[in-house]
Amino acid sequence: MGVIRKDFKRGKELVGKGHISRTDFDKLEAEFTSARRAQPGQTGFAVHHTESPF
């Protein structure tokens, strides 16, 4: 996650300066968001395990 976070922060700076396109930044943002959601402990949502009685 560390590299993805750094890429996102750097992309935020570069898109503001016009060095990368908004489309490229949107891709970085989507990757960053997906990575955050993939880490259950980092999302703020509780992870529950339920078993069926069958």
C-alpha atoms as a PDB file:
ATOM      1  CA  MET A   1       0.000   0.000   0.000  1.00  0.00           C
ATOM      2  CA  GLY A   2       2.932   2.339   0.658  1.00  0.00           C
ATOM      3  CA  VAL A   3       3.963   2.642  -2.985  1.00  0.00           C
ATOM      4  CA  ILE A   4       0.388   3.142  -4.128  1.00  0.00           C
ATOM      5  CA  ARG A   5      -0.101   5.897  -1.536  1.00  0.00           C
ATOM      6  CA  LYS A   6       3.111   7.629  -2.670  1.00  0.00           C
ATOM      7  CA  ASP A   7       2.072   7.377  -6.330  1.00  0.00           C
ATOM      8  CA  PHE A   8      -1.321   8.874  -5.495  1.00  0.00           C
ATOM      9  CA  LYS A   9       0.166  11.782  -3.522  1.00  0.00           C
ATOM     10  CA  ARG A  10       2.721  12.468  -6.249  1.00  0.00           C
ATOM     11  CA  GLY A  11       0.015  12.265  -8.914  1.00  0.00           C
ATOM     12  CA  LYS A  12      -2.065  14.782  -6.991  1.00  0.00           C
ATOM     13  CA  GLU A  13       0.840  17.247  -7.144  1.00  0.00           C
ATOM     14  CA  LEU A  14       1.547  16.580 -10.815  1.00  0.00           C
ATOM     15  CA  VAL A  15      -2.042  16.919 -12.014  1.00  0.00           C
ATOM     16  CA  GLY A  16      -2.291  20.250 -10.215  1.00  0.00           C
ATOM     17  CA  LYS A  17       0.765  21.489 -12.085  1.00  0.00           C
ATOM     18  CA  GLY A  18      -0.474  20.099 -15.395  1.00  0.00           C
ATOM     19  CA  HIS A  19       2.351  17.560 -15.755  1.00  0.00           C
ATOM     20  CA  ILE A  20       0.002  14.568 -16.015  1.00  0.00           C
ATOM     21  CA  SER A  21      -3.493  14.338 -17.426  1.00  0.00           C
ATOM     22  CA  ARG A  22      -6.622  14.160 -15.312  1.00  0.00           C
ATOM     23  CA  THR A  23      -7.294  10.732 -16.844  1.00  0.00           C
ATOM     24  CA  ASP A  24      -3.940   9.410 -15.582  1.00  0.00           C
ATOM     25  CA  PHE A  25      -4.646  10.836 -12.146  1.00  0.00           C
ATOM     26  CA  ASP A  26      -8.103   9.234 -12.129  1.00  0.00           C
ATOM     27  CA  LYS A  27      -6.426   5.861 -12.727  1.00  0.00           C
ATOM     28  CA  LEU A  28      -4.079   6.457  -9.780  1.00  0.00           C
ATOM     29  CA  GLU A  29      -7.009   7.485  -7.620  1.00  0.00           C
ATOM     30  CA  ALA A  30      -8.984   4.355  -8.552  1.00  0.00           C
ATOM     31  CA  GLU A  31      -5.983   2.146  -7.774  1.00  0.00           C
ATOM     32  CA  PHE A  32      -5.494   3.870  -4.424  1.00  0.00           C
ATOM     33  CA  THR A  33      -9.178   3.530  -3.511  1.00  0.00           C
ATOM     34  CA  SER A  34      -9.223  -0.156  -4.476  1.00  0.00           C
ATOM     35  CA  ALA A  35      -6.119  -0.848  -2.408  1.00  0.00           C
ATOM     36  CA  ARG A  36      -7.647   0.821   0.640  1.00  0.00           C
ATOM     37  CA  ARG A  37     -10.832  -1.226   0.301  1.00  0.00           C
ATOM     38  CA  ALA A  38      -8.818  -4.434  -0.048  1.00  0.00           C
ATOM     39  CA  GLN A  39      -7.408  -3.996   3.469  1.00  0.00           C
ATOM     40  CA  PRO A  40     -10.250  -4.946   5.845  1.00  0.00           C
ATOM     41  CA  GLY A  41      -8.563  -3.495   8.931  1.00  0.00           C
ATOM     42  CA  GLN A  42      -8.058  -0.123   7.262  1.00  0.00           C
ATOM     43  CA  THR A  43     -11.582   0.509   5.983  1.00  0.00           C
ATOM     44  CA  GLY A  44     -13.307   1.375   9.224  1.00  0.00           C
ATOM     45  CA  PHE A  45     -15.883  -1.361   8.650  1.00  0.00           C
ATOM     46  CA  ALA A  46     -16.092  -4.426  10.845  1.00  0.00           C
ATOM     47  CA  VAL A  47     -15.437  -7.758   9.196  1.00  0.00           C
ATOM     48  CA  HIS A  48     -17.846 -10.467  10.281  1.00  0.00           C
ATOM     49  CA  HIS A  49     -17.784 -14.179   9.656  1.00  0.00           C
ATOM     50  CA  THR A  50     -21.069 -16.022   9.717  1.00  0.00           C
ATOM     51  CA  GLU A  51     -21.747 -19.696   9.191  1.00  0.00           C
ATOM     52  CA  SER A  52     -24.864 -21.271   7.818  1.00  0.00           C
ATOM     53  CA  PRO A  53     -26.703 -23.762  10.037  1.00  0.00           C
ATOM     54  CA  PHE A  54     -26.952 -26.216   7.103  1.00  0.00           C
END
